[in-house]
Protein backbone atom coordinates (compact mmCIF):
# COMPACT_ATOMS: atom_id res chain seq x y z
CA MET A 1 -107.17 34.59 -65.09
CA SER A 2 -106.87 31.48 -62.76
CA ARG A 3 -106.16 28.18 -64.30
CA ARG A 4 -108.83 25.41 -64.63
CA PRO A 5 -108.83 22.05 -66.22
CA VAL A 6 -109.12 21.79 -69.98
CA LEU A 7 -111.00 18.82 -71.35
CA ARG A 8 -110.37 18.76 -75.11
CA THR A 9 -111.60 15.02 -75.48
CA GLU A 10 -113.33 12.47 -73.45
CA LEU A 11 -111.07 10.82 -71.06
CA PRO A 12 -109.21 8.77 -72.01
CA GLY A 13 -108.92 10.32 -75.58
CA PRO A 14 -107.86 8.49 -78.74
CA ILE A 15 -104.10 8.74 -78.27
CA ALA A 16 -104.42 7.71 -74.61
CA ARG A 17 -106.63 4.74 -75.43
CA GLU A 18 -103.93 3.38 -77.66
CA ILE A 19 -101.35 3.82 -75.00
CA LEU A 20 -103.65 2.10 -72.54
CA LYS A 21 -104.22 -0.69 -74.92
CA GLY A 22 -100.60 -1.35 -75.32
CA SER A 23 -99.74 -1.03 -71.61
CA ASN A 24 -102.52 -3.24 -70.40
CA GLY A 25 -101.45 -5.90 -72.74
CA ALA A 26 -97.79 -5.90 -71.50
CA VAL A 27 -97.77 -4.70 -68.04
CA SER A 28 -98.37 -7.05 -64.97
CA PRO A 29 -102.09 -7.32 -64.21
CA SER A 30 -101.30 -6.85 -60.44
CA TYR A 31 -101.30 -3.02 -60.90
CA THR A 32 -104.43 -1.48 -59.83
CA ARG A 33 -104.61 1.78 -62.01
CA ASP A 34 -107.92 3.31 -60.77
CA HIS A 35 -107.41 6.12 -63.23
CA PRO A 36 -107.56 5.83 -67.00
CA LEU A 37 -105.18 8.71 -67.31
CA VAL A 38 -101.89 8.81 -69.39
CA ALA A 39 -99.52 11.44 -67.95
CA ASP A 40 -97.55 12.92 -70.93
CA GLN A 41 -96.01 15.95 -69.11
CA ALA A 42 -96.65 17.87 -65.90
CA ALA A 43 -95.54 21.02 -64.03
CA GLY A 44 -96.60 22.04 -60.58
CA LEU A 45 -100.11 20.50 -59.92
CA TRP A 46 -101.11 20.35 -63.56
CA ILE A 47 -100.82 17.14 -65.69
CA THR A 48 -101.31 17.05 -69.54
CA ASP A 49 -102.18 13.96 -71.37
CA PRO A 50 -101.18 13.12 -74.92
CA ASP A 51 -104.53 14.35 -76.23
CA GLY A 52 -103.89 17.73 -74.73
CA ASN A 53 -106.31 17.38 -71.81
CA GLU A 54 -105.08 19.40 -68.66
CA VAL A 55 -106.13 18.14 -65.23
CA LEU A 56 -105.42 19.34 -61.63
CA ASP A 57 -103.40 16.71 -59.66
CA MET A 58 -104.31 16.30 -56.02
CA SER A 59 -102.44 12.91 -55.71
CA ALA A 60 -98.82 13.89 -56.35
CA GLY A 61 -97.95 10.52 -57.71
CA ILE A 62 -99.17 8.93 -54.29
CA ALA A 63 -97.71 11.76 -52.16
CA VAL A 64 -94.37 11.53 -54.06
CA THR A 65 -93.73 14.70 -56.13
CA SER A 66 -93.53 16.90 -52.95
CA THR A 67 -92.11 19.94 -54.71
CA GLY A 68 -94.78 19.64 -57.44
CA HIS A 69 -94.10 18.03 -60.85
CA CYS A 70 -90.83 18.81 -62.43
CA HIS A 71 -89.81 21.65 -60.19
CA PRO A 72 -87.13 23.56 -62.06
CA VAL A 73 -84.76 23.44 -59.16
CA VAL A 74 -85.03 19.61 -58.93
CA VAL A 75 -84.81 19.14 -62.70
CA LYS A 76 -81.69 21.30 -62.80
CA ALA A 77 -80.14 19.27 -59.90
CA ILE A 78 -80.98 16.00 -61.89
CA GLN A 79 -79.56 17.35 -65.12
CA ASP A 80 -76.38 18.60 -63.54
CA GLN A 81 -75.81 15.29 -61.66
CA ALA A 82 -76.58 13.14 -64.76
CA ALA A 83 -73.95 15.01 -66.84
CA ARG A 84 -71.32 14.24 -64.02
CA LEU A 85 -72.08 10.85 -62.66
CA ILE A 86 -75.20 8.52 -63.07
CA HIS A 87 -74.08 5.42 -61.22
CA MET A 88 -71.20 4.29 -58.85
CA SER A 89 -72.82 1.94 -56.40
CA GLY A 90 -72.67 3.60 -52.74
CA THR A 91 -72.57 0.19 -51.20
CA ASP A 92 -68.80 -0.05 -52.38
CA PHE A 93 -67.77 3.45 -53.40
CA TYR A 94 -68.17 6.97 -52.42
CA TYR A 95 -69.62 10.05 -54.12
CA PRO A 96 -70.45 13.60 -53.04
CA SER A 97 -74.21 13.78 -53.49
CA GLN A 98 -74.79 10.77 -51.10
CA ALA A 99 -72.35 11.92 -48.51
CA LYS A 100 -74.06 15.41 -48.47
CA LEU A 101 -77.53 13.91 -48.15
CA ALA A 102 -76.50 11.60 -45.43
CA GLY A 103 -75.07 14.33 -43.39
CA ARG A 104 -78.03 16.51 -43.91
CA LEU A 105 -80.59 13.74 -42.71
CA ALA A 106 -78.38 12.87 -39.80
CA ALA A 107 -78.08 16.41 -38.70
CA MET A 108 -81.86 16.60 -38.51
CA GLN A 109 -81.72 14.06 -35.80
CA PRO A 110 -85.19 12.43 -36.45
CA VAL A 111 -84.70 9.50 -34.08
CA THR A 112 -83.51 9.02 -30.36
CA GLY A 113 -79.88 9.10 -29.75
CA ASP A 114 -77.28 11.84 -30.15
CA LYS A 115 -75.68 10.76 -33.47
CA CYS A 116 -77.52 9.43 -36.42
CA ARG A 117 -76.69 7.04 -39.20
CA VAL A 118 -78.44 6.75 -42.54
CA TYR A 119 -78.99 3.71 -44.80
CA PHE A 120 -80.29 4.41 -48.40
CA GLY A 121 -82.66 2.12 -50.34
CA ASN A 122 -85.05 2.75 -53.33
CA SER A 123 -88.46 2.50 -51.94
CA GLY A 124 -90.56 2.69 -48.71
CA ALA A 125 -90.79 -1.14 -48.64
CA GLU A 126 -86.99 -1.31 -48.82
CA ALA A 127 -86.74 1.24 -46.01
CA ASN A 128 -89.01 -0.84 -43.83
CA GLU A 129 -87.15 -4.22 -44.77
CA ALA A 130 -83.91 -2.43 -43.51
CA ALA A 131 -85.69 -1.40 -40.32
CA MET A 132 -86.87 -5.11 -39.65
CA LYS A 133 -83.52 -6.43 -40.15
CA LEU A 134 -81.76 -3.76 -38.04
CA ALA A 135 -84.36 -4.37 -35.19
CA ARG A 136 -83.72 -8.01 -35.16
CA TYR A 137 -79.97 -7.49 -35.36
CA TYR A 138 -79.89 -5.06 -32.54
CA THR A 139 -82.48 -6.55 -30.09
CA GLY A 140 -81.76 -10.29 -30.77
CA ARG A 141 -85.57 -10.66 -30.75
CA THR A 142 -87.67 -12.16 -33.72
CA GLN A 143 -91.22 -10.83 -33.49
CA PHE A 144 -92.99 -7.45 -34.58
CA ILE A 145 -96.14 -5.58 -34.04
CA ALA A 146 -97.87 -3.44 -36.43
CA PHE A 147 -101.28 -2.02 -36.73
CA LEU A 148 -104.60 -3.05 -38.55
CA ASP A 149 -105.06 -0.93 -41.83
CA SER A 150 -101.48 -0.12 -41.86
CA PHE A 151 -99.33 -0.23 -45.03
CA HIS A 152 -95.72 -0.70 -45.11
CA GLY A 153 -94.90 -2.09 -48.55
CA ARG A 154 -95.28 -5.24 -50.61
CA THR A 155 -91.98 -7.08 -50.30
CA TYR A 156 -92.00 -10.00 -47.77
CA GLY A 157 -91.00 -8.31 -44.65
CA ALA A 158 -93.05 -5.24 -45.30
CA MET A 159 -95.99 -7.18 -46.64
CA SER A 160 -95.79 -9.05 -43.25
CA LEU A 161 -96.30 -5.77 -41.59
CA THR A 162 -98.94 -4.41 -43.76
CA ALA A 163 -102.72 -5.05 -42.94
CA SER A 164 -104.36 -2.69 -45.27
CA LYS A 165 -106.26 -5.03 -47.65
CA ALA A 166 -106.65 -8.79 -47.70
CA ARG A 167 -106.04 -9.00 -51.39
CA GLN A 168 -102.57 -7.53 -50.98
CA ARG A 169 -101.80 -10.65 -48.83
CA GLU A 170 -104.01 -13.27 -50.48
CA GLY A 171 -101.93 -16.20 -51.78
CA PHE A 172 -98.56 -14.98 -50.47
CA GLY A 173 -98.24 -16.55 -47.10
CA PRO A 174 -96.87 -17.67 -44.74
CA PHE A 175 -95.48 -14.28 -43.48
CA LEU A 176 -92.90 -13.26 -40.97
CA PRO A 177 -94.26 -13.17 -37.32
CA VAL A 178 -95.96 -9.98 -36.89
CA THR A 179 -98.97 -9.29 -34.73
CA HIS A 180 -101.53 -6.61 -35.66
CA ALA A 181 -103.07 -4.28 -33.10
CA LEU A 182 -105.80 -1.77 -33.21
CA TYR A 183 -104.99 1.68 -34.46
CA PRO A 184 -106.87 4.51 -32.70
CA ASP A 185 -109.46 6.12 -34.91
CA SER A 186 -111.27 8.80 -33.04
CA TYR A 187 -114.10 8.95 -35.62
CA ARG A 188 -114.80 5.42 -35.45
CA MET A 189 -113.81 4.64 -31.87
CA GLY A 190 -114.77 7.80 -30.15
CA PRO A 191 -113.00 9.54 -27.11
CA ARG A 192 -111.51 6.35 -25.75
CA ALA A 193 -109.64 5.31 -29.05
CA THR A 194 -106.29 5.62 -27.45
CA ALA A 195 -107.27 3.66 -24.41
CA LEU A 196 -108.98 1.01 -26.56
CA ALA A 197 -105.85 0.60 -28.68
CA MET A 198 -103.39 0.58 -25.67
CA ASP A 199 -105.60 -2.07 -24.22
CA HIS A 200 -105.48 -4.25 -27.05
CA LEU A 201 -101.72 -4.07 -27.12
CA GLU A 202 -101.68 -5.19 -23.36
CA MET A 203 -104.04 -7.92 -24.32
CA LEU A 204 -101.68 -9.14 -27.05
CA PHE A 205 -98.77 -9.10 -24.60
CA ARG A 206 -100.75 -11.03 -22.13
CA THR A 207 -102.15 -13.65 -24.44
CA ILE A 208 -100.19 -14.31 -27.52
CA THR A 209 -96.99 -12.11 -28.03
CA PRO A 210 -94.80 -11.85 -25.06
CA PRO A 211 -93.23 -8.37 -25.18
CA SER A 212 -89.89 -9.97 -24.48
CA ASP A 213 -89.93 -11.58 -27.92
CA VAL A 214 -90.85 -8.35 -29.77
CA ALA A 215 -88.02 -6.65 -31.59
CA ALA A 216 -90.05 -3.52 -32.61
CA ILE A 217 -93.36 -1.93 -33.07
CA PHE A 218 -93.97 -0.27 -36.44
CA VAL A 219 -96.51 2.43 -36.56
CA GLU A 220 -97.43 5.36 -39.04
CA PRO A 221 -97.62 8.66 -37.05
CA VAL A 222 -100.41 9.45 -39.44
CA GLN A 223 -101.95 6.33 -41.11
CA GLY A 224 -101.73 6.51 -44.97
CA GLU A 225 -103.39 3.85 -46.91
CA GLY A 226 -105.64 3.14 -43.95
CA GLY A 227 -107.66 6.18 -44.35
CA TYR A 228 -105.57 9.33 -43.48
CA ILE A 229 -106.11 8.77 -39.86
CA VAL A 230 -104.73 11.12 -37.43
CA PRO A 231 -104.48 9.36 -34.15
CA PRO A 232 -105.33 11.22 -30.85
CA GLY A 233 -102.35 13.34 -29.43
CA ASP A 234 -101.86 10.88 -26.46
CA PHE A 235 -101.32 7.80 -28.54
CA LEU A 236 -97.56 8.25 -29.70
CA PRO A 237 -96.52 9.20 -26.15
CA LYS A 238 -98.27 6.14 -24.70
CA LEU A 239 -96.78 4.02 -27.27
CA ARG A 240 -93.27 5.34 -26.59
CA GLU A 241 -93.79 4.63 -22.82
CA LEU A 242 -94.76 0.93 -23.65
CA CYS A 243 -91.88 0.37 -25.84
CA ASP A 244 -89.44 1.82 -23.21
CA LYS A 245 -90.98 -0.32 -20.54
CA HIS A 246 -90.31 -3.52 -22.51
CA GLY A 247 -87.09 -2.70 -24.26
CA ILE A 248 -88.99 -2.66 -27.61
CA LEU A 249 -87.72 -0.55 -30.44
CA LEU A 250 -90.19 1.95 -31.65
CA VAL A 251 -90.24 2.41 -35.56
CA PHE A 252 -92.04 5.24 -37.27
CA ASP A 253 -92.97 4.59 -40.80
CA GLU A 254 -93.03 8.17 -42.33
CA VAL A 255 -92.76 7.03 -45.86
CA GLN A 256 -95.92 8.96 -46.75
CA CYS A 257 -96.43 11.31 -43.76
CA GLY A 258 -92.84 12.60 -43.65
CA MET A 259 -90.81 15.35 -45.66
CA GLY A 260 -93.17 18.17 -44.86
CA ARG A 261 -96.40 16.41 -45.88
CA THR A 262 -98.16 17.15 -42.50
CA GLY A 263 -96.92 20.67 -42.27
CA LYS A 264 -93.71 19.72 -40.25
CA MET A 265 -90.60 17.96 -41.73
CA PHE A 266 -91.48 14.87 -39.72
CA ALA A 267 -95.06 13.95 -38.72
CA TRP A 268 -93.78 12.90 -35.13
CA GLU A 269 -92.97 16.51 -34.41
CA HIS A 270 -96.73 17.35 -33.78
CA THR A 271 -96.36 15.27 -30.58
CA GLY A 272 -92.52 15.69 -30.00
CA VAL A 273 -92.18 11.86 -29.63
CA LYS A 274 -89.01 10.47 -31.48
CA PRO A 275 -88.74 6.88 -32.71
CA ASP A 276 -85.74 4.80 -32.39
CA ILE A 277 -85.80 4.15 -36.26
CA ILE A 278 -87.52 6.06 -38.82
CA SER A 279 -88.24 5.19 -42.38
CA LEU A 280 -88.48 7.69 -45.22
CA ALA A 281 -89.47 7.62 -48.92
CA LYS A 282 -91.86 9.10 -51.35
CA GLY A 283 -91.59 12.77 -50.98
CA ILE A 284 -87.72 12.70 -50.04
CA ALA A 285 -86.55 13.02 -53.80
CA SER A 286 -89.52 14.65 -55.64
CA GLY A 287 -90.15 11.60 -57.69
CA MET A 288 -86.69 9.92 -58.00
CA PRO A 289 -86.62 6.39 -56.45
CA LEU A 290 -84.92 6.86 -52.93
CA SER A 291 -85.66 5.90 -49.41
CA ALA A 292 -83.71 6.23 -46.10
CA THR A 293 -83.60 4.23 -42.86
CA ILE A 294 -82.34 6.26 -40.03
CA ALA A 295 -81.27 5.13 -36.55
CA SER A 296 -78.94 6.29 -33.86
CA GLU A 297 -75.18 5.19 -34.01
CA GLU A 298 -75.89 2.97 -31.01
CA ILE A 299 -78.62 1.06 -32.82
CA MET A 300 -77.26 1.13 -36.36
CA LYS A 301 -74.05 -0.75 -35.56
CA TRP A 302 -74.40 -3.76 -37.79
CA LYS A 303 -71.27 -4.96 -39.50
CA PRO A 304 -70.07 -4.24 -43.05
CA GLY A 305 -71.94 -6.56 -45.56
CA ALA A 306 -74.89 -7.11 -43.10
CA HIS A 307 -77.02 -5.00 -45.32
CA ALA A 308 -76.57 -2.97 -48.76
CA SER A 309 -78.13 -2.13 -52.04
CA THR A 310 -76.63 -1.64 -55.55
CA PHE A 311 -78.93 1.26 -56.53
CA GLY A 312 -79.79 2.68 -53.07
CA GLY A 313 -78.72 6.25 -52.61
CA ASN A 314 -78.07 6.61 -56.55
CA PRO A 315 -76.08 9.79 -57.26
CA ILE A 316 -78.98 11.31 -59.22
CA ALA A 317 -81.66 10.50 -56.72
CA CYS A 318 -79.41 11.97 -53.93
CA ALA A 319 -78.90 15.21 -56.00
CA ALA A 320 -82.69 15.33 -56.41
CA ALA A 321 -83.16 14.80 -52.62
CA ASN A 322 -80.79 17.72 -51.86
CA ALA A 323 -82.57 19.93 -54.00
CA THR A 324 -85.88 18.69 -52.46
CA LEU A 325 -84.47 19.53 -48.95
CA ASP A 326 -83.50 22.92 -50.04
CA LEU A 327 -87.00 23.60 -51.27
CA LEU A 328 -88.69 22.06 -48.28
CA GLU A 329 -86.60 23.98 -45.75
CA GLY A 330 -86.95 27.09 -47.82
CA GLY A 331 -90.66 27.47 -47.49
CA LEU A 332 -92.47 24.51 -48.63
CA VAL A 333 -92.87 22.84 -45.18
CA GLU A 334 -94.58 26.08 -44.02
CA ASN A 335 -96.71 26.14 -47.21
CA SER A 336 -97.95 22.56 -46.32
CA ALA A 337 -99.05 23.77 -42.88
CA LYS A 338 -100.66 27.04 -44.22
CA VAL A 339 -102.42 25.83 -47.25
CA GLY A 340 -103.24 22.50 -45.66
CA ALA A 341 -105.24 24.31 -42.97
CA PHE A 342 -106.80 26.51 -45.51
CA LEU A 343 -107.74 23.45 -47.57
CA GLN A 344 -109.46 21.65 -44.56
CA ASP A 345 -111.38 25.00 -43.70
CA GLU A 346 -112.60 25.18 -47.35
CA LEU A 347 -113.81 21.50 -47.28
CA ARG A 348 -115.58 22.01 -44.04
CA ARG A 349 -117.09 25.28 -45.34
CA ARG A 350 -118.30 23.64 -48.56
CA LEU A 351 -119.09 20.17 -47.48
CA GLY A 352 -119.30 20.27 -43.67
CA ASP A 353 -123.03 19.55 -43.87
CA HIS A 354 -122.93 17.16 -46.88
CA PRO A 355 -125.25 14.05 -46.03
CA ASN A 356 -122.56 11.77 -47.48
CA VAL A 357 -119.40 13.42 -45.83
CA GLY A 358 -118.80 11.88 -42.35
CA ASP A 359 -115.43 13.23 -41.39
CA ILE A 360 -112.77 15.63 -42.73
CA ARG A 361 -109.42 15.19 -41.06
CA GLY A 362 -105.71 15.48 -41.61
CA GLN A 363 -102.54 17.43 -40.86
CA GLY A 364 -100.90 19.79 -43.36
CA LEU A 365 -101.53 18.54 -46.96
CA MET A 366 -102.45 15.02 -45.83
CA VAL A 367 -106.13 15.55 -45.71
CA GLY A 368 -108.83 12.79 -45.86
CA VAL A 369 -112.71 13.11 -46.43
CA GLU A 370 -114.48 10.03 -45.30
CA LEU A 371 -117.54 9.33 -47.25
CA VAL A 372 -120.68 7.58 -45.50
CA LYS A 373 -124.12 6.47 -46.42
CA ASP A 374 -125.58 8.09 -43.44
CA ARG A 375 -123.79 10.79 -41.19
CA THR A 376 -125.68 9.60 -38.09
CA THR A 377 -125.02 5.90 -38.18
CA LYS A 378 -121.57 6.41 -39.82
CA GLU A 379 -122.26 3.54 -42.20
CA ARG A 380 -119.59 3.35 -44.82
CA ALA A 381 -120.16 4.36 -48.35
CA ILE A 382 -119.40 0.93 -49.73
CA GLU A 383 -121.44 1.36 -52.84
CA LEU A 384 -118.94 4.05 -54.02
CA ARG A 385 -116.41 1.83 -55.45
CA ASN A 386 -112.92 3.09 -55.80
CA ASP A 387 -112.84 2.90 -59.66
CA VAL A 388 -116.27 4.57 -59.99
CA VAL A 389 -115.31 7.35 -57.49
CA MET A 390 -111.78 8.01 -59.12
CA ASP A 391 -113.50 8.18 -62.76
CA ALA A 392 -116.03 10.75 -61.55
CA PHE A 393 -113.34 13.16 -60.32
CA LEU A 394 -111.22 12.72 -63.41
CA LYS A 395 -114.32 13.51 -65.62
CA HIS A 396 -114.45 16.87 -63.77
CA GLY A 397 -110.80 17.42 -64.39
CA MET A 398 -109.15 16.42 -61.18
CA VAL A 399 -106.82 13.38 -60.37
CA ILE A 400 -107.43 12.12 -56.78
CA LEU A 401 -106.93 8.95 -54.83
CA GLY A 402 -108.96 6.84 -52.31
CA CYS A 403 -107.57 5.31 -49.23
CA GLY A 404 -109.01 2.99 -46.37
CA GLN A 405 -112.43 1.73 -47.21
CA ASN A 406 -114.11 4.99 -47.94
CA THR A 407 -111.84 7.99 -47.67
CA ILE A 408 -110.76 10.42 -50.41
CA ARG A 409 -107.25 11.66 -49.85
CA PHE A 410 -105.92 15.12 -50.81
CA CYS A 411 -102.01 14.91 -50.95
CA PRO A 412 -101.03 17.66 -53.63
CA GLY A 413 -97.61 18.79 -54.11
CA LEU A 414 -96.49 21.07 -51.25
CA VAL A 415 -96.23 24.05 -53.73
CA ILE A 416 -100.17 24.16 -54.02
CA THR A 417 -101.54 27.72 -53.67
CA GLU A 418 -104.89 28.72 -51.91
CA GLU A 419 -106.26 29.43 -55.33
CA GLU A 420 -105.54 25.73 -56.38
CA ALA A 421 -106.95 24.56 -53.01
CA VAL A 422 -110.24 26.49 -53.64
CA LEU A 423 -110.33 24.85 -57.28
CA ALA A 424 -109.78 21.52 -55.86
CA VAL A 425 -112.68 21.80 -53.34
CA ASP A 426 -114.99 23.04 -56.12
CA LEU A 427 -114.19 20.24 -58.28
CA PHE A 428 -114.31 17.72 -55.54
CA THR A 429 -117.75 19.09 -54.46
CA ARG A 430 -118.99 18.78 -58.18
CA SER A 431 -117.75 15.23 -58.37
CA LEU A 432 -119.37 14.09 -55.18
CA ASN A 433 -122.63 15.72 -56.06
CA SER A 434 -122.58 13.73 -59.30
CA LEU A 435 -121.88 10.66 -57.50
CA THR A 436 -124.44 10.95 -54.79
CA GLY A 437 -127.12 12.78 -56.75
CA VAL A 438 -127.21 15.44 -54.16
CA ALA A 439 -127.33 19.09 -55.16
CA HIS A 440 -124.83 20.55 -52.61
CA ALA A 441 -123.63 24.19 -53.17
């Protein structure tokens, strides 16, 4: 018999409520926490809370647990490494797991140039901070361009790039010199989406941001927090051409869309356009804190001491990443492509004519469903507040997250089966019907 959610108590249950009470009284109020969920243990795509409730997880800890929760191969790699060496800072010393991982990532050649170099950090924000410093160091230029609705992290440099939500920036300026351009959204902008985005960039160059001052353009090959937006196929090639014309470095933030998430190891592979620098994190180590900034040897030629991290590339995190790569290369990237396509087909079959579903889009297991008030006008479903939406899904036994202004994202572990995808769509449909009052099959 196929597994389904088990709800033994109301959510949150009595034990979970006590944990929430203690956490909310001590943890920074800056955390968003849309779900009143306490994760006590998990395996694969299933989370069990301390009250014994079992729910389907379509969030993967924000696209992080790429091999599913507690994959036994990853768990064993962590345990074995923890018994041998927990820490010996890679900024001053050497150890096998980091050397092995660096070699594997460099051999993948995810950036322009013949030989790659890898810098290790702990998070996507750190990876982008390193990319910003490296771009300035290499080019001697000071300014950057990023895109509206982008998310690159919350530290100062990364926050300067981010343009996802005003509340993330409110009260923290001034920021680094970053100009934000339009990101092409075919659903909202129509068939001229790429042309409009490129025209806007040219306007910025002509009016306020001389291209000769721009060190790098940062872009997500698939926009994550902005709404799981897949740009038109000609956008990245045109962006590459523009950067080459002006001597600007092209940086791909694949923190969320990389490491097999879109059905290929790197999202840029869908177009064949390589960046000059790439930032990776989230799914790279199945939940251990790790990030990588990769560039060619020609670009990453900063001197010893120019940039480093005490904890970046920790032995245990690197061991988990090596095990994760084994699993990704061993079939999970292909599974992402296969089940991701199946998931989109199921969503379109069940919800393609739902009056409040405007668009279903994605690549691999990076799938977004944009909710609208009206399919014809595409008016956004602003009344469906994120916390209300998330609560409705949890009450039906599924953990799922929003993104953008009005999109629900599916980003499960890449171990998901077609049977679990069918269940996810069924739970999604039931939850959406309860939110909208629409009886849709």
